[in-house]
């Protein structure tokens, strides 16, 4: 593809994390950026995630900081806790509106939108962006049972790519994972890779 192919990535953090986890691998965000930089001019890479308010330390914080310094535009908002009708504590943290507003604003400046999400709520957004002449690729999976992508979103996209097909390009090298905690396989200190990137992203599954 020519360099004039202007691309923007929109990553629904909780959704992508859940999808990769279902498929049994970790996303290497540095490789993800490289992959799409090779497909054209990467205008922007947005990463959306909700963060639990009043938490001294959020397990996702190291990932967010890393993304922020390494070419991603990170969009976060605090989640709200509420008690549902049956008295259970629930967490609400939906980033759909933020993602939709950014996509609509950027639509006239890009040729291709890549949406990492299977959320059917995005169908009307995809349609609106397409009306502005943007080709939309949606990345999720149908390899899981049930599929992680809503049928209506998959049908609306110009291109649907299964995350399974991208595993070799976006997956973290298993060698970079922490060694299993068995004394027999203990890796000497000098052989261990420095953990510059968080090896694990832990996301709560937020309710709509």
Foldseek 3Di string as FASTA:
>chain_A
DEQQQEEEEEEAALQLQVQCVLVPFDFDVLLVVVVVVVVHPYPAYEYEDEFAPPDPDTLQVLQQVVCVVRGHHYDYYYWDWDQDPVRDIAIAGDCVVVSLVVLVVCLLVHQEYEYEAQDPVCLVSLVVSVVSNHAYEYEGAPPGVNGRHDPSNCVSHPHYDYVVVCCVRTGDDPVLADDPPDVVPDDPPVPHDPCSGPPDRDGDNHDD
